[in-house]
Amino acid sequence: MKDSIKEPKSKFIKVSCSKCKNNQVIFGKPSSVVDCTVCGKTLAEPTGGKGTIKARILEVLS
C-alpha cells in the first residue's frame, strides 16, 4: 500500500490593493483581518472558512 501525502486545501493568494496598488501575499483562509502594509486598507476579512477578499486577486499560489 502506497502512502499518499495530502495536499493542503488552503492556498496563499497574491493580491493588489485597490487604493495604493501594493502587491501583497495573503492567506486564503485568514483568522483575522488582513490590512495593506502600505496604506492600511482592509484586504481580507475572516468568515470562518475562506476569507472575504476585498482586493484584486492577481494569482493563486500553490
C-alpha atoms as a PDB file:
ATOM      1  CA  MET A   1       0.000   0.000   0.000  1.00  0.00           C
ATOM      2  CA  LYS A   2       1.394   3.344  -1.050  1.00  0.00           C
ATOM      3  CA  ASP A   3       1.239   6.223   1.435  1.00  0.00           C
ATOM      4  CA  SER A   4      -0.089   9.412  -0.058  1.00  0.00           C
ATOM      5  CA  ILE A   5       0.653  12.911   1.101  1.00  0.00           C
ATOM      6  CA  LYS A   6      -2.462  15.043   1.259  1.00  0.00           C
ATOM      7  CA  GLU A   7      -2.336  18.430  -0.398  1.00  0.00           C
ATOM      8  CA  PRO A   8      -3.487  21.343   1.745  1.00  0.00           C
ATOM      9  CA  LYS A   9      -6.882  22.739   0.804  1.00  0.00           C
ATOM     10  CA  SER A  10      -5.899  26.295   1.683  1.00  0.00           C
ATOM     11  CA  LYS A  11      -3.753  28.491  -0.545  1.00  0.00           C
ATOM     12  CA  PHE A  12      -1.809  31.710  -0.425  1.00  0.00           C
ATOM     13  CA  ILE A  13      -3.132  34.454  -2.709  1.00  0.00           C
ATOM     14  CA  LYS A  14      -1.259  37.352  -4.297  1.00  0.00           C
ATOM     15  CA  VAL A  15      -3.496  40.428  -4.248  1.00  0.00           C
ATOM     16  CA  SER A  16      -3.239  44.064  -5.294  1.00  0.00           C
ATOM     17  CA  CYS A  17      -4.563  46.804  -3.010  1.00  0.00           C
ATOM     18  CA  SER A  18      -7.263  48.829  -4.764  1.00  0.00           C
ATOM     19  CA  LYS A  19      -6.160  52.041  -3.017  1.00  0.00           C
ATOM     20  CA  CYS A  20      -2.344  52.122  -3.356  1.00  0.00           C
ATOM     21  CA  LYS A  21      -1.735  49.251  -5.858  1.00  0.00           C
ATOM     22  CA  ASN A  22       0.668  47.492  -3.445  1.00  0.00           C
ATOM     23  CA  ASN A  23       1.068  43.760  -4.188  1.00  0.00           C
ATOM     24  CA  GLN A  24       0.884  41.533  -1.121  1.00  0.00           C
ATOM     25  CA  VAL A  25       0.663  37.789  -0.435  1.00  0.00           C
ATOM     26  CA  ILE A  26      -2.115  36.815   1.980  1.00  0.00           C
ATOM     27  CA  PHE A  27      -3.600  33.554   3.262  1.00  0.00           C
ATOM     28  CA  GLY A  28      -6.852  32.444   1.613  1.00  0.00           C
ATOM     29  CA  LYS A  29      -8.389  31.486   4.974  1.00  0.00           C
ATOM     30  CA  PRO A  30      -7.399  34.333   7.297  1.00  0.00           C
ATOM     31  CA  SER A  31      -8.192  34.065  11.019  1.00  0.00           C
ATOM     32  CA  SER A  32      -8.008  37.835  11.492  1.00  0.00           C
ATOM     33  CA  VAL A  33      -8.466  40.984   9.403  1.00  0.00           C
ATOM     34  CA  VAL A  34      -5.612  41.485   6.906  1.00  0.00           C
ATOM     35  CA  ASP A  35      -4.661  45.096   6.155  1.00  0.00           C
ATOM     36  CA  CYS A  36      -2.409  46.521   3.436  1.00  0.00           C
ATOM     37  CA  THR A  37       1.099  47.052   4.815  1.00  0.00           C
ATOM     38  CA  VAL A  38       1.437  50.370   2.941  1.00  0.00           C
ATOM     39  CA  CYS A  39      -1.879  52.240   3.305  1.00  0.00           C
ATOM     40  CA  GLY A  40      -3.792  50.187   5.886  1.00  0.00           C
ATOM     41  CA  LYS A  41      -6.851  49.395   3.736  1.00  0.00           C
ATOM     42  CA  THR A  42      -8.560  46.082   4.605  1.00  0.00           C
ATOM     43  CA  LEU A  43      -7.617  43.366   2.092  1.00  0.00           C
ATOM     44  CA  ALA A  44      -9.348  40.340   3.633  1.00  0.00           C
ATOM     45  CA  GLU A  45     -11.734  39.507   6.458  1.00  0.00           C
ATOM     46  CA  PRO A  46     -12.278  36.146   8.195  1.00  0.00           C
ATOM     47  CA  THR A  47     -15.582  34.313   7.706  1.00  0.00           C
ATOM     48  CA  GLY A  48     -14.923  31.013   9.479  1.00  0.00           C
ATOM     49  CA  GLY A  49     -13.676  29.383   6.277  1.00  0.00           C
ATOM     50  CA  LYS A  50     -12.456  31.052   3.124  1.00  0.00           C
ATOM     51  CA  GLY A  51     -11.988  34.735   3.787  1.00  0.00           C
ATOM     52  CA  THR A  52     -13.776  37.594   2.094  1.00  0.00           C
ATOM     53  CA  ILE A  53     -11.152  39.081  -0.238  1.00  0.00           C
ATOM     54  CA  LYS A  54     -11.611  42.836  -0.735  1.00  0.00           C
ATOM     55  CA  ALA A  55      -8.683  43.330  -3.117  1.00  0.00           C
ATOM     56  CA  ARG A  56      -7.927  42.382  -6.701  1.00  0.00           C
ATOM     57  CA  ILE A  57      -6.657  38.784  -6.892  1.00  0.00           C
ATOM     58  CA  LEU A  58      -3.577  38.570  -9.098  1.00  0.00           C
ATOM     59  CA  GLU A  59      -2.529  34.948  -8.608  1.00  0.00           C
ATOM     60  CA  VAL A  60      -3.298  31.875  -6.508  1.00  0.00           C
ATOM     61  CA  LEU A  61      -0.017  30.409  -5.297  1.00  0.00           C
ATOM     62  CA  SER A  62       0.461  26.687  -4.867  1.00  0.00           C
END
